C-alpha cells in the first residue's frame, strides 16, 4: 500500500511513556515491537508523556509539525485521550485502541466518546470493555477487540532461586506477588494483603519493566485481586512464566485460566484463597503448565490480528 507521497506504512500515536509509573503502558511498547517484526509493515511511532492537559496540546502541535506533508495509510492511537493529538497526522484510516481508564473514568470517558465518531476503527482490548461503548458513537466505525498481548519472549520461566538472588530476596522464600501498583484502588491491594497474611507480599509499584519477569518468577504465586480489569495482562505474564496465579473472574482471567491445573479463578474469599495458597507456599518451587495458554494471547499473535484488521480497512 502506498500513500499519496510514497510514504508507506502506519503511524501509531501512543502515550506509553509513564515517568511516574514505569510499568504502565509497556504493553503498548510490546505491541509496537511485535508489529515491527511483521514483514511488509513500516511503522512510525510517536510517543509523549501524557502528564496533564497541556501535554496533549503540545503533542498535537508536535505531531502536525513532524508529519507535515505526509499521509499515512493508517493513523492508530492508544488510549482514548490520545486520539485527539493523533488527529494532527493525516491518514486514510484512523483507529483507536481503548484500554479501560479511558472508558471508566467519567471525564476521560466523555472526552474519549466525543472523539469516537471521527474514527474508522474502534478497538477495545476486551469484549467486556466493548460493552461499555454506546453504538451511538461508533455508527461509522467497525468494532474489533484487539488486545496488546503478552511478550512471551520476555516473560519466560526463570529458576526461582536465581530470580530471588538477582532481586536480593531470600532464596528460600516464600513470597507472593501483587502484580500491580498498590495505589491503584481498583486492583484491591487490601484483598491481596488479606490473602497473604504473614507471607511476604511483593508489589510492582515502581519496578522497572525489564525486571518484572524476575519478580514474577521469584513468587510462589501471583495474586490478581482486581475488582475490574479491561484485559488483565498480569494473568498472562504469570502463565507465560509457568507461575501459579489466583485471579478474580475479571478481564481475560476466566478464559485464560480455564483448564490450567494449579491456578484458580473465582470471587475473592479470604478463607478460600488462603486454602488454595497453602500448598503453593509450602512448595519450594511450585509451577504450572501455563505457557501454552499464554501463547494464545502472545504479543506477536495479537499484533498480527491488528495488522490484518488494518489491511481490511486501508
C-alpha atoms as a PDB file:
ATOM      1  CA  UNK A   1       0.000   0.000   0.000  1.00  0.00           C
ATOM      2  CA  UNK A   2       1.191   3.500  -0.804  1.00  0.00           C
ATOM      3  CA  UNK A   3       0.139   6.897   0.399  1.00  0.00           C
ATOM      4  CA  UNK A   4      -0.090   9.896  -1.909  1.00  0.00           C
ATOM      5  CA  UNK A   5       3.500  10.950  -1.265  1.00  0.00           C
ATOM      6  CA  UNK A   6       5.031   7.449  -1.408  1.00  0.00           C
ATOM      7  CA  UNK A   7       5.244   7.172   2.405  1.00  0.00           C
ATOM      8  CA  UNK A   8       4.398   3.536   3.156  1.00  0.00           C
ATOM      9  CA  UNK A   9       3.136   2.281   6.488  1.00  0.00           C
ATOM     10  CA  UNK A  10       1.282   3.226   9.623  1.00  0.00           C
ATOM     11  CA  UNK A  11       1.547   5.778  12.377  1.00  0.00           C
ATOM     12  CA  UNK A  12       0.999   4.805  15.994  1.00  0.00           C
ATOM     13  CA  UNK A  13       0.425   7.682  18.421  1.00  0.00           C
ATOM     14  CA  UNK A  14       0.847   6.330  21.927  1.00  0.00           C
ATOM     15  CA  UNK A  15       1.181   7.740  25.407  1.00  0.00           C
ATOM     16  CA  UNK A  16       3.032   4.763  26.849  1.00  0.00           C
ATOM     17  CA  UNK A  17       5.813   6.785  28.456  1.00  0.00           C
ATOM     18  CA  UNK A  18       4.897   6.788  32.143  1.00  0.00           C
ATOM     19  CA  UNK A  19       7.669   8.559  34.045  1.00  0.00           C
ATOM     20  CA  UNK A  20       5.775   8.357  37.347  1.00  0.00           C
ATOM     21  CA  UNK A  21       4.684   4.755  36.908  1.00  0.00           C
ATOM     22  CA  UNK A  22       7.095   2.941  34.579  1.00  0.00           C
ATOM     23  CA  UNK A  23       5.132  -0.314  34.474  1.00  0.00           C
ATOM     24  CA  UNK A  24       2.011   1.185  32.938  1.00  0.00           C
ATOM     25  CA  UNK A  25       1.922   1.325  29.170  1.00  0.00           C
ATOM     26  CA  UNK A  26       4.667  -1.219  28.489  1.00  0.00           C
ATOM     27  CA  UNK A  27       2.082  -3.430  26.753  1.00  0.00           C
ATOM     28  CA  UNK A  28       1.798  -0.745  24.061  1.00  0.00           C
ATOM     29  CA  UNK A  29       5.540  -0.835  23.577  1.00  0.00           C
ATOM     30  CA  UNK A  30       5.396  -4.632  23.301  1.00  0.00           C
ATOM     31  CA  UNK A  31       2.757  -4.383  20.577  1.00  0.00           C
ATOM     32  CA  UNK A  32       4.807  -1.827  18.669  1.00  0.00           C
ATOM     33  CA  UNK A  33       7.859  -4.089  18.745  1.00  0.00           C
ATOM     34  CA  UNK A  34       5.756  -7.072  17.658  1.00  0.00           C
ATOM     35  CA  UNK A  35       4.298  -5.071  14.765  1.00  0.00           C
ATOM     36  CA  UNK A  36       7.775  -4.067  13.644  1.00  0.00           C
ATOM     37  CA  UNK A  37       8.695  -7.742  13.305  1.00  0.00           C
ATOM     38  CA  UNK A  38       5.932  -8.309  10.754  1.00  0.00           C
ATOM     39  CA  UNK A  39       7.085  -8.346   7.124  1.00  0.00           C
ATOM     40  CA  UNK A  40       5.754  -5.638   4.826  1.00  0.00           C
ATOM     41  CA  UNK A  41       4.943  -3.126   7.552  1.00  0.00           C
ATOM     42  CA  UNK A  42       6.649   0.215   8.069  1.00  0.00           C
ATOM     43  CA  UNK A  43       5.656   1.804  11.357  1.00  0.00           C
ATOM     44  CA  UNK A  44       6.337   5.314  12.625  1.00  0.00           C
ATOM     45  CA  UNK A  45       5.967   5.735  16.391  1.00  0.00           C
ATOM     46  CA  UNK A  46       5.140   8.990  18.179  1.00  0.00           C
ATOM     47  CA  UNK A  47       5.174   8.924  21.982  1.00  0.00           C
ATOM     48  CA  UNK A  48       4.748  11.537  24.668  1.00  0.00           C
ATOM     49  CA  UNK A  49       4.417  11.713  28.432  1.00  0.00           C
ATOM     50  CA  UNK A  50       0.702  12.332  28.964  1.00  0.00           C
ATOM     51  CA  UNK A  51       1.009  14.301  32.185  1.00  0.00           C
ATOM     52  CA  UNK A  52      -1.705  16.959  32.269  1.00  0.00           C
ATOM     53  CA  UNK A  53      -3.953  18.710  29.716  1.00  0.00           C
ATOM     54  CA  UNK A  54      -1.151  20.843  28.292  1.00  0.00           C
ATOM     55  CA  UNK A  55       0.748  17.700  27.264  1.00  0.00           C
ATOM     56  CA  UNK A  56      -1.998  16.781  24.782  1.00  0.00           C
ATOM     57  CA  UNK A  57      -1.996  20.225  23.180  1.00  0.00           C
ATOM     58  CA  UNK A  58       1.796  20.149  22.910  1.00  0.00           C
ATOM     59  CA  UNK A  59       1.674  16.640  21.447  1.00  0.00           C
ATOM     60  CA  UNK A  60      -0.895  17.712  18.830  1.00  0.00           C
ATOM     61  CA  UNK A  61       1.352  20.579  17.752  1.00  0.00           C
ATOM     62  CA  UNK A  62       4.383  18.289  17.625  1.00  0.00           C
ATOM     63  CA  UNK A  63       2.525  15.715  15.505  1.00  0.00           C
ATOM     64  CA  UNK A  64       1.425  18.366  12.999  1.00  0.00           C
ATOM     65  CA  UNK A  65       4.958  19.732  12.725  1.00  0.00           C
ATOM     66  CA  UNK A  66       6.727  16.373  12.462  1.00  0.00           C
ATOM     67  CA  UNK A  67       4.389  14.828   9.881  1.00  0.00           C
ATOM     68  CA  UNK A  68       3.511  17.855   7.778  1.00  0.00           C
ATOM     69  CA  UNK A  69       3.126  16.794   4.133  1.00  0.00           C
ATOM     70  CA  UNK A  70       2.879  13.070   4.966  1.00  0.00           C
ATOM     71  CA  UNK A  71      -0.233  10.939   4.531  1.00  0.00           C
ATOM     72  CA  UNK A  72      -0.231   7.580   6.291  1.00  0.00           C
ATOM     73  CA  UNK A  73      -2.271   4.540   5.339  1.00  0.00           C
ATOM     74  CA  UNK A  74      -3.361   4.219   8.973  1.00  0.00           C
ATOM     75  CA  UNK A  75      -3.048   6.508  11.971  1.00  0.00           C
ATOM     76  CA  UNK A  76      -3.708   4.468  15.111  1.00  0.00           C
ATOM     77  CA  UNK A  77      -3.697   5.803  18.671  1.00  0.00           C
ATOM     78  CA  UNK A  78      -3.630   4.017  22.028  1.00  0.00           C
ATOM     79  CA  UNK A  79      -5.812   5.262  24.924  1.00  0.00           C
ATOM     80  CA  UNK A  80      -8.897   7.344  24.230  1.00  0.00           C
ATOM     81  CA  UNK A  81      -7.477  10.765  25.030  1.00  0.00           C
ATOM     82  CA  UNK A  82      -4.626  10.221  22.585  1.00  0.00           C
ATOM     83  CA  UNK A  83      -6.930  10.124  19.585  1.00  0.00           C
ATOM     84  CA  UNK A  84      -7.062  13.925  19.745  1.00  0.00           C
ATOM     85  CA  UNK A  85      -3.341  14.687  19.250  1.00  0.00           C
ATOM     86  CA  UNK A  86      -3.233  11.854  16.685  1.00  0.00           C
ATOM     87  CA  UNK A  87      -5.605  13.911  14.516  1.00  0.00           C
ATOM     88  CA  UNK A  88      -2.591  16.096  13.760  1.00  0.00           C
ATOM     89  CA  UNK A  89      -1.291  13.386  11.404  1.00  0.00           C
ATOM     90  CA  UNK A  90      -3.068  12.809   8.098  1.00  0.00           C
ATOM     91  CA  UNK A  91      -4.232   9.265   7.445  1.00  0.00           C
ATOM     92  CA  UNK A  92      -6.568   7.405   5.140  1.00  0.00           C
ATOM     93  CA  UNK A  93      -7.796   5.344   8.094  1.00  0.00           C
ATOM     94  CA  UNK A  94      -7.920   6.332  11.763  1.00  0.00           C
ATOM     95  CA  UNK A  95      -8.087   3.848  14.615  1.00  0.00           C
ATOM     96  CA  UNK A  96      -8.085   3.933  18.398  1.00  0.00           C
ATOM     97  CA  UNK A  97      -7.372   1.192  20.935  1.00  0.00           C
ATOM     98  CA  UNK A  98      -9.283   1.653  24.193  1.00  0.00           C
ATOM     99  CA  UNK A  99      -7.712   0.262  27.360  1.00  0.00           C
ATOM    100  CA  UNK A 100     -10.137   0.823  30.224  1.00  0.00           C
ATOM    101  CA  UNK A 101      -9.471   4.020  32.138  1.00  0.00           C
ATOM    102  CA  UNK A 102     -10.468   5.940  29.035  1.00  0.00           C
ATOM    103  CA  UNK A 103     -13.966   4.456  29.428  1.00  0.00           C
ATOM    104  CA  UNK A 104     -14.191   4.019  33.210  1.00  0.00           C
ATOM    105  CA  UNK A 105     -13.087   7.478  34.393  1.00  0.00           C
ATOM    106  CA  UNK A 106     -16.022   9.922  33.943  1.00  0.00           C
ATOM    107  CA  UNK A 107     -14.036  12.826  32.474  1.00  0.00           C
ATOM    108  CA  UNK A 108     -11.814  10.623  30.295  1.00  0.00           C
ATOM    109  CA  UNK A 109     -14.888   8.740  29.104  1.00  0.00           C
ATOM    110  CA  UNK A 110     -16.636  11.939  27.986  1.00  0.00           C
ATOM    111  CA  UNK A 111     -13.563  13.151  26.077  1.00  0.00           C
ATOM    112  CA  UNK A 112     -12.994   9.710  24.537  1.00  0.00           C
ATOM    113  CA  UNK A 113     -16.590   9.186  23.422  1.00  0.00           C
ATOM    114  CA  UNK A 114     -16.645  12.629  21.830  1.00  0.00           C
ATOM    115  CA  UNK A 115     -13.826  11.591  19.506  1.00  0.00           C
ATOM    116  CA  UNK A 116     -15.037   8.123  18.522  1.00  0.00           C
ATOM    117  CA  UNK A 117     -17.265   9.337  15.647  1.00  0.00           C
ATOM    118  CA  UNK A 118     -14.054  10.579  13.978  1.00  0.00           C
ATOM    119  CA  UNK A 119     -12.543   7.076  13.980  1.00  0.00           C
ATOM    120  CA  UNK A 120     -12.710   4.463  11.246  1.00  0.00           C
ATOM    121  CA  UNK A 121     -11.843   1.708  13.728  1.00  0.00           C
ATOM    122  CA  UNK A 122     -12.644   1.487  17.448  1.00  0.00           C
ATOM    123  CA  UNK A 123     -10.737  -1.320  19.152  1.00  0.00           C
ATOM    124  CA  UNK A 124     -11.419  -2.132  22.818  1.00  0.00           C
ATOM    125  CA  UNK A 125      -8.991  -4.636  24.320  1.00  0.00           C
ATOM    126  CA  UNK A 126     -11.720  -6.974  25.576  1.00  0.00           C
ATOM    127  CA  UNK A 127     -15.328  -7.966  24.994  1.00  0.00           C
ATOM    128  CA  UNK A 128     -16.295  -6.642  28.428  1.00  0.00           C
ATOM    129  CA  UNK A 129     -14.840  -3.248  27.523  1.00  0.00           C
ATOM    130  CA  UNK A 130     -16.643  -3.313  24.191  1.00  0.00           C
ATOM    131  CA  UNK A 131     -19.928  -3.472  26.086  1.00  0.00           C
ATOM    132  CA  UNK A 132     -19.199  -0.053  27.622  1.00  0.00           C
ATOM    133  CA  UNK A 133     -19.134   1.676  24.233  1.00  0.00           C
ATOM    134  CA  UNK A 134     -22.532   3.089  23.133  1.00  0.00           C
ATOM    135  CA  UNK A 135     -23.135   2.276  19.480  1.00  0.00           C
ATOM    136  CA  UNK A 136     -24.335   5.832  19.013  1.00  0.00           C
ATOM    137  CA  UNK A 137     -20.669   6.880  18.986  1.00  0.00           C
ATOM    138  CA  UNK A 138     -19.444   4.181  16.594  1.00  0.00           C
ATOM    139  CA  UNK A 139     -22.059   4.073  13.831  1.00  0.00           C
ATOM    140  CA  UNK A 140     -19.461   4.652  11.113  1.00  0.00           C
ATOM    141  CA  UNK A 141     -16.763   2.587  12.788  1.00  0.00           C
ATOM    142  CA  UNK A 142     -16.338  -1.179  12.929  1.00  0.00           C
ATOM    143  CA  UNK A 143     -15.585  -2.528  16.396  1.00  0.00           C
ATOM    144  CA  UNK A 144     -12.732  -5.013  16.772  1.00  0.00           C
ATOM    145  CA  UNK A 145     -11.416  -6.499  20.014  1.00  0.00           C
ATOM    146  CA  UNK A 146      -7.633  -6.006  19.784  1.00  0.00           C
ATOM    147  CA  UNK A 147      -5.666  -6.824  22.956  1.00  0.00           C
ATOM    148  CA  UNK A 148      -1.966  -5.998  23.107  1.00  0.00           C
ATOM    149  CA  UNK A 149      -0.962  -9.445  24.364  1.00  0.00           C
ATOM    150  CA  UNK A 150       1.935 -10.721  26.472  1.00  0.00           C
ATOM    151  CA  UNK A 151       5.547 -10.669  25.335  1.00  0.00           C
ATOM    152  CA  UNK A 152       6.347 -14.368  25.624  1.00  0.00           C
ATOM    153  CA  UNK A 153       9.965 -13.706  24.686  1.00  0.00           C
ATOM    154  CA  UNK A 154      10.475 -11.527  27.754  1.00  0.00           C
ATOM    155  CA  UNK A 155       8.205 -13.493  30.089  1.00  0.00           C
ATOM    156  CA  UNK A 156       9.636 -16.995  30.369  1.00  0.00           C
ATOM    157  CA  UNK A 157      10.286 -19.409  33.234  1.00  0.00           C
ATOM    158  CA  UNK A 158      13.395 -18.489  35.235  1.00  0.00           C
ATOM    159  CA  UNK A 159      14.837 -20.570  38.049  1.00  0.00           C
ATOM    160  CA  UNK A 160      13.038 -19.299  41.151  1.00  0.00           C
ATOM    161  CA  UNK A 161      16.118 -19.174  43.388  1.00  0.00           C
ATOM    162  CA  UNK A 162      18.071 -17.436  40.631  1.00  0.00           C
ATOM    163  CA  UNK A 163      15.334 -14.800  40.273  1.00  0.00           C
ATOM    164  CA  UNK A 164      15.269 -14.187  44.018  1.00  0.00           C
ATOM    165  CA  UNK A 165      19.042 -13.937  44.145  1.00  0.00           C
ATOM    166  CA  UNK A 166      19.023 -11.344  41.355  1.00  0.00           C
ATOM    167  CA  UNK A 167      16.487  -9.256  43.303  1.00  0.00           C
ATOM    168  CA  UNK A 168      18.264  -9.561  46.638  1.00  0.00           C
ATOM    169  CA  UNK A 169      15.480 -11.661  48.148  1.00  0.00           C
ATOM    170  CA  UNK A 170      15.766 -14.643  50.474  1.00  0.00           C
ATOM    171  CA  UNK A 171      16.305 -17.589  48.152  1.00  0.00           C
ATOM    172  CA  UNK A 172      14.186 -19.848  50.363  1.00  0.00           C
ATOM    173  CA  UNK A 173      11.123 -17.552  50.368  1.00  0.00           C
ATOM    174  CA  UNK A 174       8.203 -17.954  50.349  1.00  0.00           C
ATOM    175  CA  UNK A 175       6.856 -14.896  48.517  1.00  0.00           C
ATOM    176  CA  UNK A 176       3.620 -13.829  46.899  1.00  0.00           C
ATOM    177  CA  UNK A 177       3.368 -11.144  44.210  1.00  0.00           C
ATOM    178  CA  UNK A 178       0.656  -8.499  43.917  1.00  0.00           C
ATOM    179  CA  UNK A 179       1.135  -7.769  40.233  1.00  0.00           C
ATOM    180  CA  UNK A 180       0.094  -4.107  40.255  1.00  0.00           C
ATOM    181  CA  UNK A 181       0.653  -0.747  41.885  1.00  0.00           C
ATOM    182  CA  UNK A 182      -0.905  -0.838  45.390  1.00  0.00           C
ATOM    183  CA  UNK A 183      -2.061   2.760  44.921  1.00  0.00           C
ATOM    184  CA  UNK A 184      -4.498   1.774  42.175  1.00  0.00           C
ATOM    185  CA  UNK A 185      -7.650   1.218  44.209  1.00  0.00           C
ATOM    186  CA  UNK A 186      -9.408  -0.955  41.610  1.00  0.00           C
ATOM    187  CA  UNK A 187      -6.600  -3.527  41.907  1.00  0.00           C
ATOM    188  CA  UNK A 188      -7.637  -4.184  45.557  1.00  0.00           C
ATOM    189  CA  UNK A 189      -4.308  -4.424  47.352  1.00  0.00           C
ATOM    190  CA  UNK A 190      -6.308  -4.890  50.560  1.00  0.00           C
ATOM    191  CA  UNK A 191      -7.565  -8.236  49.301  1.00  0.00           C
ATOM    192  CA  UNK A 192      -4.054  -9.379  48.415  1.00  0.00           C
ATOM    193  CA  UNK A 193      -2.817  -8.426  51.888  1.00  0.00           C
ATOM    194  CA  UNK A 194      -5.649 -10.397  53.473  1.00  0.00           C
ATOM    195  CA  UNK A 195      -4.866 -13.479  51.366  1.00  0.00           C
ATOM    196  CA  UNK A 196      -1.133 -13.236  52.021  1.00  0.00           C
ATOM    197  CA  UNK A 197      -1.448 -12.941  55.778  1.00  0.00           C
ATOM    198  CA  UNK A 198       2.060 -13.221  57.252  1.00  0.00           C
ATOM    199  CA  UNK A 199       3.650 -14.237  53.928  1.00  0.00           C
ATOM    200  CA  UNK A 200       5.882 -11.610  52.324  1.00  0.00           C
ATOM    201  CA  UNK A 201       3.880  -9.806  49.639  1.00  0.00           C
ATOM    202  CA  UNK A 202       5.856  -8.238  46.795  1.00  0.00           C
ATOM    203  CA  UNK A 203       4.392  -5.495  44.592  1.00  0.00           C
ATOM    204  CA  UNK A 204       5.133  -3.919  41.214  1.00  0.00           C
ATOM    205  CA  UNK A 205       4.501  -0.288  42.180  1.00  0.00           C
ATOM    206  CA  UNK A 206       7.754   1.187  40.846  1.00  0.00           C
ATOM    207  CA  UNK A 207       9.522  -1.821  39.330  1.00  0.00           C
ATOM    208  CA  UNK A 208      11.343  -1.254  36.043  1.00  0.00           C
ATOM    209  CA  UNK A 209       9.527  -3.157  33.260  1.00  0.00           C
ATOM    210  CA  UNK A 210      12.696  -5.067  32.374  1.00  0.00           C
ATOM    211  CA  UNK A 211      12.745  -6.587  35.876  1.00  0.00           C
ATOM    212  CA  UNK A 212       9.089  -7.651  36.045  1.00  0.00           C
ATOM    213  CA  UNK A 213       9.803 -11.217  34.759  1.00  0.00           C
ATOM    214  CA  UNK A 214      12.225 -11.663  37.665  1.00  0.00           C
ATOM    215  CA  UNK A 215       9.568 -10.606  40.183  1.00  0.00           C
ATOM    216  CA  UNK A 216       7.002 -12.936  38.654  1.00  0.00           C
ATOM    217  CA  UNK A 217       9.383 -15.896  38.730  1.00  0.00           C
ATOM    218  CA  UNK A 218      10.510 -15.073  42.276  1.00  0.00           C
ATOM    219  CA  UNK A 219       6.981 -15.571  43.618  1.00  0.00           C
ATOM    220  CA  UNK A 220       5.362 -18.811  44.713  1.00  0.00           C
ATOM    221  CA  UNK A 221       2.163 -17.405  43.219  1.00  0.00           C
ATOM    222  CA  UNK A 222       0.815 -14.229  41.630  1.00  0.00           C
ATOM    223  CA  UNK A 223      -2.311 -12.602  43.077  1.00  0.00           C
ATOM    224  CA  UNK A 224      -4.676 -10.695  40.781  1.00  0.00           C
ATOM    225  CA  UNK A 225      -7.384  -9.471  43.153  1.00  0.00           C
ATOM    226  CA  UNK A 226      -8.859  -6.729  40.959  1.00  0.00           C
ATOM    227  CA  UNK A 227     -12.475  -5.641  41.152  1.00  0.00           C
ATOM    228  CA  UNK A 228     -12.296  -4.919  37.417  1.00  0.00           C
ATOM    229  CA  UNK A 229      -9.866  -5.422  34.530  1.00  0.00           C
ATOM    230  CA  UNK A 230     -10.257  -4.266  30.962  1.00  0.00           C
ATOM    231  CA  UNK A 231      -7.975  -7.139  29.903  1.00  0.00           C
ATOM    232  CA  UNK A 232      -5.688  -8.343  32.712  1.00  0.00           C
ATOM    233  CA  UNK A 233      -2.189  -8.834  31.323  1.00  0.00           C
ATOM    234  CA  UNK A 234      -0.769  -9.871  34.722  1.00  0.00           C
ATOM    235  CA  UNK A 235      -2.558 -13.209  34.468  1.00  0.00           C
ATOM    236  CA  UNK A 236      -0.918 -13.936  31.123  1.00  0.00           C
ATOM    237  CA  UNK A 237       2.515 -12.837  32.354  1.00  0.00           C
ATOM    238  CA  UNK A 238       2.295 -15.316  35.224  1.00  0.00           C
ATOM    239  CA  UNK A 239       1.147 -18.090  32.900  1.00  0.00           C
ATOM    240  CA  UNK A 240       3.975 -17.349  30.449  1.00  0.00           C
ATOM    241  CA  UNK A 241       6.407 -17.927  33.340  1.00  0.00           C
ATOM    242  CA  UNK A 242       4.604 -21.112  34.459  1.00  0.00           C
ATOM    243  CA  UNK A 243       3.925 -19.437  37.819  1.00  0.00           C
ATOM    244  CA  UNK A 244       0.676 -20.256  39.692  1.00  0.00           C
ATOM    245  CA  UNK A 245      -1.849 -17.425  39.637  1.00  0.00           C
ATOM    246  CA  UNK A 246      -5.031 -16.754  41.598  1.00  0.00           C
ATOM    247  CA  UNK A 247      -7.373 -14.243  39.999  1.00  0.00           C
ATOM    248  CA  UNK A 248     -10.818 -12.799  40.397  1.00  0.00           C
ATOM    249  CA  UNK A 249     -13.112 -13.531  37.419  1.00  0.00           C
ATOM    250  CA  UNK A 250     -12.490 -10.280  35.552  1.00  0.00           C
ATOM    251  CA  UNK A 251     -10.939  -9.468  32.184  1.00  0.00           C
ATOM    252  CA  UNK A 252      -9.222 -12.344  30.426  1.00  0.00           C
ATOM    253  CA  UNK A 253      -8.768 -14.432  33.602  1.00  0.00           C
ATOM    254  CA  UNK A 254     -11.761 -16.817  33.250  1.00  0.00           C
ATOM    255  CA  UNK A 255     -10.845 -17.647  29.652  1.00  0.00           C
ATOM    256  CA  UNK A 256      -7.064 -17.819  30.101  1.00  0.00           C
ATOM    257  CA  UNK A 257      -7.103 -19.886  33.298  1.00  0.00           C
ATOM    258  CA  UNK A 258      -9.732 -22.361  32.167  1.00  0.00           C
ATOM    259  CA  UNK A 259      -8.240 -25.842  32.281  1.00  0.00           C
ATOM    260  CA  UNK A 260      -4.818 -24.783  33.653  1.00  0.00           C
ATOM    261  CA  UNK A 261      -4.197 -27.023  36.654  1.00  0.00           C
ATOM    262  CA  UNK A 262      -2.747 -25.295  39.710  1.00  0.00           C
ATOM    263  CA  UNK A 263      -4.390 -21.939  39.000  1.00  0.00           C
ATOM    264  CA  UNK A 264      -7.593 -20.502  40.418  1.00  0.00           C
ATOM    265  CA  UNK A 265     -10.206 -18.081  39.118  1.00  0.00           C
ATOM    266  CA  UNK A 266     -13.047 -17.120  41.439  1.00  0.00           C
ATOM    267  CA  UNK A 267     -14.562 -14.371  43.511  1.00  0.00           C
ATOM    268  CA  UNK A 268     -12.388 -13.220  46.363  1.00  0.00           C
ATOM    269  CA  UNK A 269     -12.922 -15.091  49.620  1.00  0.00           C
ATOM    270  CA  UNK A 270     -10.084 -14.788  52.111  1.00  0.00           C
ATOM    271  CA  UNK A 271     -10.503 -18.272  53.565  1.00  0.00           C
ATOM    272  CA  UNK A 272     -10.802 -19.960  50.175  1.00  0.00           C
ATOM    273  CA  UNK A 273      -7.800 -18.131  48.747  1.00  0.00           C
ATOM    274  CA  UNK A 274      -5.656 -18.963  51.778  1.00  0.00           C
ATOM    275  CA  UNK A 275      -6.546 -22.631  51.475  1.00  0.00           C
ATOM    276  CA  UNK A 276      -5.539 -22.643  47.814  1.00  0.00           C
ATOM    277  CA  UNK A 277      -2.302 -20.809  48.600  1.00  0.00           C
ATOM    278  CA  UNK A 278      -1.230 -23.113  51.440  1.00  0.00           C
ATOM    279  CA  UNK A 279       0.280 -25.920  49.288  1.00  0.00           C
ATOM    280  CA  UNK A 280       1.858 -23.366  46.941  1.00  0.00           C
ATOM    281  CA  UNK A 281       3.596 -21.648  49.839  1.00  0.00           C
ATOM    282  CA  UNK A 282       4.909 -24.919  51.263  1.00  0.00           C
ATOM    283  CA  UNK A 283       6.328 -25.978  47.890  1.00  0.00           C
ATOM    284  CA  UNK A 284       9.829 -24.520  47.287  1.00  0.00           C
ATOM    285  CA  UNK A 285       9.246 -24.307  43.530  1.00  0.00           C
ATOM    286  CA  UNK A 286       5.571 -24.533  42.539  1.00  0.00           C
ATOM    287  CA  UNK A 287       4.969 -24.386  38.790  1.00  0.00           C
ATOM    288  CA  UNK A 288       2.050 -24.819  36.416  1.00  0.00           C
ATOM    289  CA  UNK A 289       1.852 -25.667  32.717  1.00  0.00           C
ATOM    290  CA  UNK A 290       0.658 -22.176  31.856  1.00  0.00           C
ATOM    291  CA  UNK A 291       2.779 -21.214  28.905  1.00  0.00           C
ATOM    292  CA  UNK A 292       0.581 -22.800  26.190  1.00  0.00           C
ATOM    293  CA  UNK A 293      -2.375 -20.775  27.477  1.00  0.00           C
ATOM    294  CA  UNK A 294      -0.330 -17.560  27.481  1.00  0.00           C
ATOM    295  CA  UNK A 295       0.907 -18.163  23.947  1.00  0.00           C
ATOM    296  CA  UNK A 296      -2.678 -17.989  22.671  1.00  0.00           C
ATOM    297  CA  UNK A 297      -2.525 -14.294  23.614  1.00  0.00           C
ATOM    298  CA  UNK A 298       1.096 -13.547  22.719  1.00  0.00           C
ATOM    299  CA  UNK A 299       2.019 -10.028  21.657  1.00  0.00           C
ATOM    300  CA  UNK A 300       3.069 -11.388  18.266  1.00  0.00           C
ATOM    301  CA  UNK A 301      -0.274 -13.087  17.627  1.00  0.00           C
ATOM    302  CA  UNK A 302      -2.195 -10.031  18.795  1.00  0.00           C
ATOM    303  CA  UNK A 303      -0.044  -7.778  16.592  1.00  0.00           C
ATOM    304  CA  UNK A 304      -0.848  -9.953  13.588  1.00  0.00           C
ATOM    305  CA  UNK A 305      -4.541  -9.503  14.413  1.00  0.00           C
ATOM    306  CA  UNK A 306      -4.075  -5.720  14.436  1.00  0.00           C
ATOM    307  CA  UNK A 307      -2.193  -5.855  11.128  1.00  0.00           C
ATOM    308  CA  UNK A 308      -4.922  -7.951   9.498  1.00  0.00           C
ATOM    309  CA  UNK A 309      -7.583  -5.554  10.782  1.00  0.00           C
ATOM    310  CA  UNK A 310      -5.716  -2.598   9.287  1.00  0.00           C
ATOM    311  CA  UNK A 311      -5.381  -4.401   5.962  1.00  0.00           C
ATOM    312  CA  UNK A 312      -9.117  -4.908   5.913  1.00  0.00           C
ATOM    313  CA  UNK A 313      -9.703  -1.157   6.207  1.00  0.00           C
ATOM    314  CA  UNK A 314      -6.855   0.564   4.386  1.00  0.00           C
END
